[in-house]
Protein backbone atom coordinates (compact mmCIF):
# COMPACT_ATOMS: atom_id res chain seq x y z
CA UNK A 1 -33.28 2.53 24.89
CA UNK A 2 -29.65 1.96 25.45
CA UNK A 3 -27.00 4.42 24.22
CA UNK A 4 -24.69 3.12 21.57
CA UNK A 5 -21.17 3.58 23.06
CA UNK A 6 -19.04 2.21 20.03
CA UNK A 7 -18.09 5.44 19.01
CA UNK A 8 -17.83 7.38 22.33
CA UNK A 9 -14.80 9.50 22.97
CA UNK A 10 -11.91 7.98 25.16
CA UNK A 11 -11.27 9.97 28.30
CA UNK A 12 -7.49 9.97 27.53
CA UNK A 13 -5.63 9.95 24.43
CA UNK A 14 -3.72 6.68 23.50
CA UNK A 15 -0.49 8.81 22.86
CA UNK A 16 1.08 12.14 24.14
CA UNK A 17 -0.76 14.90 22.15
CA UNK A 18 1.82 17.54 21.77
CA UNK A 19 1.86 17.74 17.97
CA UNK A 20 -1.01 19.16 16.56
CA UNK A 21 -1.00 22.59 15.00
CA UNK A 22 -4.31 24.11 16.76
CA UNK A 23 -3.68 25.32 20.45
CA UNK A 24 -4.85 22.48 22.78
CA UNK A 25 -8.37 22.52 24.24
CA UNK A 26 -8.24 22.36 28.15
CA UNK A 27 -10.63 20.23 30.15
CA UNK A 28 -13.71 18.71 28.63
CA UNK A 29 -13.96 18.28 24.76
CA UNK A 30 -16.30 20.61 23.28
CA UNK A 31 -19.48 19.34 22.18
CA UNK A 32 -19.12 20.63 18.56
CA UNK A 33 -15.98 18.70 18.34
CA UNK A 34 -17.36 15.37 19.76
CA UNK A 35 -20.41 15.75 17.41
CA UNK A 36 -18.09 16.05 14.47
CA UNK A 37 -16.05 13.01 15.19
CA UNK A 38 -19.15 10.94 15.98
CA UNK A 39 -20.64 12.20 12.60
CA UNK A 40 -17.82 11.11 10.61
CA UNK A 41 -17.41 7.84 12.35
CA UNK A 42 -21.27 7.12 11.74
CA UNK A 43 -20.77 8.19 7.83
CA UNK A 44 -17.87 5.77 7.64
CA UNK A 45 -19.56 2.94 9.20
CA UNK A 46 -22.50 3.49 6.93
CA UNK A 47 -21.05 4.19 3.67
CA UNK A 48 -17.52 3.02 3.81
CA UNK A 49 -14.40 4.92 2.53
CA UNK A 50 -16.45 6.06 -0.53
CA UNK A 51 -18.52 8.10 1.77
CA UNK A 52 -15.70 10.32 2.95
CA UNK A 53 -13.07 12.41 1.02
CA UNK A 54 -9.38 11.81 1.77
CA UNK A 55 -9.18 14.71 4.12
CA UNK A 56 -11.89 13.40 6.22
CA UNK A 57 -10.57 9.83 6.04
CA UNK A 58 -7.19 11.20 7.29
CA UNK A 59 -9.17 13.04 10.39
CA UNK A 60 -10.48 9.65 11.36
CA UNK A 61 -7.00 8.40 11.59
CA UNK A 62 -5.74 11.25 13.36
CA UNK A 63 -8.53 11.07 16.13
CA UNK A 64 -6.66 8.28 17.83
CA UNK A 65 -3.35 10.07 17.91
CA UNK A 66 -4.75 13.60 18.83
CA UNK A 67 -7.65 13.36 21.04
CA UNK A 68 -8.21 16.90 22.10
CA UNK A 69 -7.66 19.13 19.32
CA UNK A 70 -9.39 19.87 15.83
CA UNK A 71 -7.20 17.77 13.63
CA UNK A 72 -8.91 18.95 10.13
CA UNK A 73 -6.32 21.60 9.57
CA UNK A 74 -3.39 19.12 9.96
CA UNK A 75 -5.33 16.66 7.70
CA UNK A 76 -5.36 19.13 4.99
CA UNK A 77 -1.72 20.30 5.41
CA UNK A 78 -0.49 16.86 5.15
CA UNK A 79 -2.66 16.09 1.96
CA UNK A 80 -1.31 19.50 0.63
CA UNK A 81 2.28 18.48 1.45
CA UNK A 82 2.44 15.08 0.25
CA UNK A 83 -0.20 14.87 -2.70
CA UNK A 84 -2.96 12.35 -1.73
CA UNK A 85 -3.98 9.95 0.85
CA UNK A 86 -1.91 7.12 -0.28
CA UNK A 87 1.21 9.13 -0.38
CA UNK A 88 0.44 10.31 3.32
CA UNK A 89 -0.13 6.87 4.54
CA UNK A 90 3.05 5.49 2.64
CA UNK A 91 5.50 8.36 3.39
CA UNK A 92 8.65 7.87 5.17
CA UNK A 93 8.49 8.55 8.93
CA UNK A 94 11.29 11.23 8.47
CA UNK A 95 9.26 12.74 5.69
CA UNK A 96 6.28 13.05 7.82
CA UNK A 97 8.21 14.32 10.93
CA UNK A 98 9.16 17.18 8.73
CA UNK A 99 5.31 18.46 8.33
CA UNK A 100 4.63 21.09 11.27
CA UNK A 101 2.39 19.48 13.72
CA UNK A 102 3.19 15.73 12.98
CA UNK A 103 4.89 13.74 15.81
CA UNK A 104 5.57 10.33 16.88
CA UNK A 105 1.88 9.55 17.88
CA UNK A 106 0.49 10.54 14.33
CA UNK A 107 3.44 8.80 12.62
CA UNK A 108 2.73 5.42 14.46
CA UNK A 109 -0.72 5.51 13.67
CA UNK A 110 -0.22 6.08 9.81
CA UNK A 111 2.40 3.32 9.90
CA UNK A 112 0.22 0.77 11.60
CA UNK A 113 -2.50 1.36 9.00
CA UNK A 114 0.03 1.04 6.32
CA UNK A 115 1.63 -2.31 7.74
CA UNK A 116 -1.98 -3.62 8.14
CA UNK A 117 -2.96 -2.80 4.35
CA UNK A 118 0.06 -4.44 3.24
CA UNK A 119 -0.20 -7.74 5.46
CA UNK A 120 -3.80 -8.16 4.30
CA UNK A 121 -2.96 -7.73 0.64
CA UNK A 122 -0.03 -10.11 1.05
CA UNK A 123 -2.22 -12.73 2.79
CA UNK A 124 -4.34 -13.06 -0.45
CA UNK A 125 -1.58 -14.03 -2.53
CA UNK A 126 0.94 -16.09 -0.74
CA UNK A 127 0.92 -19.94 -1.08
CA UNK A 128 -1.46 -19.36 -4.05
CA UNK A 129 -1.46 -20.17 -7.50
CA UNK A 130 -0.10 -17.25 -9.32
CA UNK A 131 -2.39 -17.63 -12.35
CA UNK A 132 -5.58 -17.74 -10.30
CA UNK A 133 -4.54 -15.00 -8.08
CA UNK A 134 -3.10 -12.55 -10.52
CA UNK A 135 -5.51 -9.60 -9.90
CA UNK A 136 -4.81 -10.01 -6.29
CA UNK A 137 -0.96 -10.20 -6.94
CA UNK A 138 -1.17 -6.74 -8.81
CA UNK A 139 -3.49 -5.28 -6.07
CA UNK A 140 -0.58 -6.29 -3.40
CA UNK A 141 2.00 -4.61 -5.71
CA UNK A 142 0.02 -1.54 -5.90
CA UNK A 143 -0.75 -1.31 -2.38
CA UNK A 144 3.01 -2.12 -1.46
CA UNK A 145 4.69 0.23 -3.94
CA UNK A 146 2.51 2.45 -5.88
CA UNK A 147 2.77 5.52 -3.55
CA UNK A 148 6.41 5.35 -2.55
CA UNK A 149 8.87 8.34 -2.97
CA UNK A 150 11.69 6.13 -4.02
CA UNK A 151 12.17 3.18 -6.33
CA UNK A 152 11.95 -0.34 -4.69
CA UNK A 153 12.92 -3.57 -6.41
CA UNK A 154 11.14 -6.99 -5.19
CA UNK A 155 11.15 -10.36 -6.48
CA UNK A 156 8.29 -13.18 -6.17
CA UNK A 157 9.49 -16.52 -6.12
CA UNK A 158 7.42 -19.42 -7.42
CA UNK A 159 7.79 -23.12 -6.89
CA UNK A 160 7.32 -25.63 -9.72
CA UNK A 161 3.53 -25.39 -9.56
CA UNK A 162 3.75 -21.55 -9.85
CA UNK A 163 2.93 -21.09 -6.19
CA UNK A 164 3.91 -18.09 -4.62
CA UNK A 165 6.39 -19.21 -1.96
CA UNK A 166 8.27 -15.99 -1.07
CA UNK A 167 7.98 -12.05 -1.67
CA UNK A 168 11.36 -10.24 -0.70
CA UNK A 169 12.47 -6.70 -1.17
CA UNK A 170 15.96 -7.05 -2.96
CA UNK A 171 17.12 -3.35 -3.09
CA UNK A 172 15.92 0.34 -2.38
CA UNK A 173 17.08 3.12 -4.66
CA UNK A 174 16.57 7.09 -5.35
CA UNK A 175 13.69 8.67 -7.06
CA UNK A 176 14.76 7.26 -10.59
CA UNK A 177 17.17 4.48 -10.04
CA UNK A 178 17.47 1.38 -7.96
CA UNK A 179 20.65 -0.99 -7.80
CA UNK A 180 19.85 -4.51 -8.97
CA UNK A 181 22.28 -7.46 -9.05
CA UNK A 182 21.11 -10.35 -11.31
CA UNK A 183 23.64 -12.59 -9.74
CA UNK A 184 22.15 -12.03 -6.27
CA UNK A 185 18.43 -12.35 -7.70
CA UNK A 186 19.17 -15.79 -9.19
CA UNK A 187 21.51 -16.80 -6.21
CA UNK A 188 18.31 -16.16 -3.84
CA UNK A 189 15.97 -18.15 -6.07
CA UNK A 190 18.01 -21.26 -5.64
CA UNK A 191 18.52 -20.63 -1.71
CA UNK A 192 14.66 -20.67 -1.82
CA UNK A 193 14.39 -23.69 -4.19
CA UNK A 194 12.25 -21.83 -6.50
CA UNK A 195 11.55 -22.61 -9.96
CA UNK A 196 10.41 -19.31 -11.50
CA UNK A 197 10.39 -15.56 -10.54
CA UNK A 198 8.58 -12.38 -11.24
CA UNK A 199 10.32 -9.08 -11.01
CA UNK A 200 8.49 -6.08 -9.67
CA UNK A 201 9.62 -2.46 -9.06
CA UNK A 202 7.92 0.92 -9.10
CA UNK A 203 8.39 4.24 -10.70
CA UNK A 204 7.80 7.22 -8.17
CA UNK A 205 7.09 9.34 -11.31
CA UNK A 206 3.96 7.47 -11.74
CA UNK A 207 4.72 6.42 -15.41
CA UNK A 208 5.42 2.84 -15.66
CA UNK A 209 7.11 2.96 -19.13
CA UNK A 210 10.45 0.90 -18.74
CA UNK A 211 13.84 2.80 -19.20
CA UNK A 212 16.61 1.29 -21.06
CA UNK A 213 18.27 0.28 -17.84
CA UNK A 214 15.03 -1.57 -16.72
CA UNK A 215 14.90 -3.31 -20.10
CA UNK A 216 18.79 -4.37 -19.83
CA UNK A 217 18.69 -5.34 -16.19
CA UNK A 218 15.59 -7.61 -17.17
CA UNK A 219 17.49 -9.20 -19.96
CA UNK A 220 20.46 -9.99 -17.82
CA UNK A 221 18.45 -11.44 -15.02
CA UNK A 222 16.31 -13.56 -17.70
CA UNK A 223 19.70 -15.05 -19.26
CA UNK A 224 21.09 -15.76 -15.91
CA UNK A 225 17.97 -17.56 -14.70
CA UNK A 226 17.61 -19.65 -17.97
CA UNK A 227 21.37 -20.87 -17.54
CA UNK A 228 20.32 -22.56 -14.06
CA UNK A 229 16.90 -23.68 -15.31
CA UNK A 230 14.92 -21.03 -13.78
CA UNK A 231 12.00 -19.10 -15.52
CA UNK A 232 11.49 -15.58 -15.46
CA UNK A 233 7.77 -15.27 -16.01
CA UNK A 234 7.49 -11.46 -16.02
CA UNK A 235 8.73 -7.88 -15.09
CA UNK A 236 6.19 -5.64 -13.67
CA UNK A 237 6.65 -1.79 -13.29
CA UNK A 238 4.10 -0.37 -10.93
CA UNK A 239 3.01 3.22 -11.63
CA UNK A 240 0.73 5.33 -9.75
CA UNK A 241 -2.48 4.60 -11.50
CA UNK A 242 -1.46 1.54 -13.61
CA UNK A 243 1.13 -0.92 -14.16
CA UNK A 244 3.25 -2.43 -17.23
CA UNK A 245 3.95 -6.01 -17.71
CA UNK A 246 7.05 -6.65 -19.67
CA UNK A 247 5.62 -10.17 -21.00
CA UNK A 248 2.24 -8.42 -22.12
CA UNK A 249 4.11 -5.53 -23.81
CA UNK A 250 6.74 -7.74 -25.57
CA UNK A 251 9.84 -6.90 -23.76
CA UNK A 252 10.08 -10.55 -22.53
């Protein structure tokens, strides 16, 4: 019977391994660590993400960046510091770098996972009819924005058939404010030859209830769009666990 080498340890790490908290292990990796990593990988392949708690999922990611050290303490420290798996993956590089034990290799690994998740979610909505793929649109918005520590404002641009033709970040802000200029939003829609748009922004607090500035900004964009024959379909606010639709909630 041949040995399955899918999960065998690489002889050398992919990156420099000078960032983990524990003292480095010299020479051959101890068998207990090899066995632990193999068990985690097997559980993941057999049961998927649901088979592992957040700290073990994070351990799996850290294995590639830190090949010869016990990464469980670092995984727990990152979760304790940032709150949950989603916030660890989506945290800004400079925020991650402030955690003791996190270096460039770890940051690159996490940002690669984040980018892959966003690209996969985006591929499910681009060039698709917005009505037929609405759940995928919401999934994409949550993947991209729900765990951010600062506000972000995005616009989804649609053609006359309500097919999504562009998704662009228009502005970044602070923990509770993002500057938005209605004139620039409408101008960009005309440049793209769009016929309709959907506004999306997040609330880092986790509560998607719109503020008065949110409502006023939406009104200004709606009026500016209408003058030029553009339709504002909706404004979605993304919270941590749920979203709010201006259209469904009666704000539009």
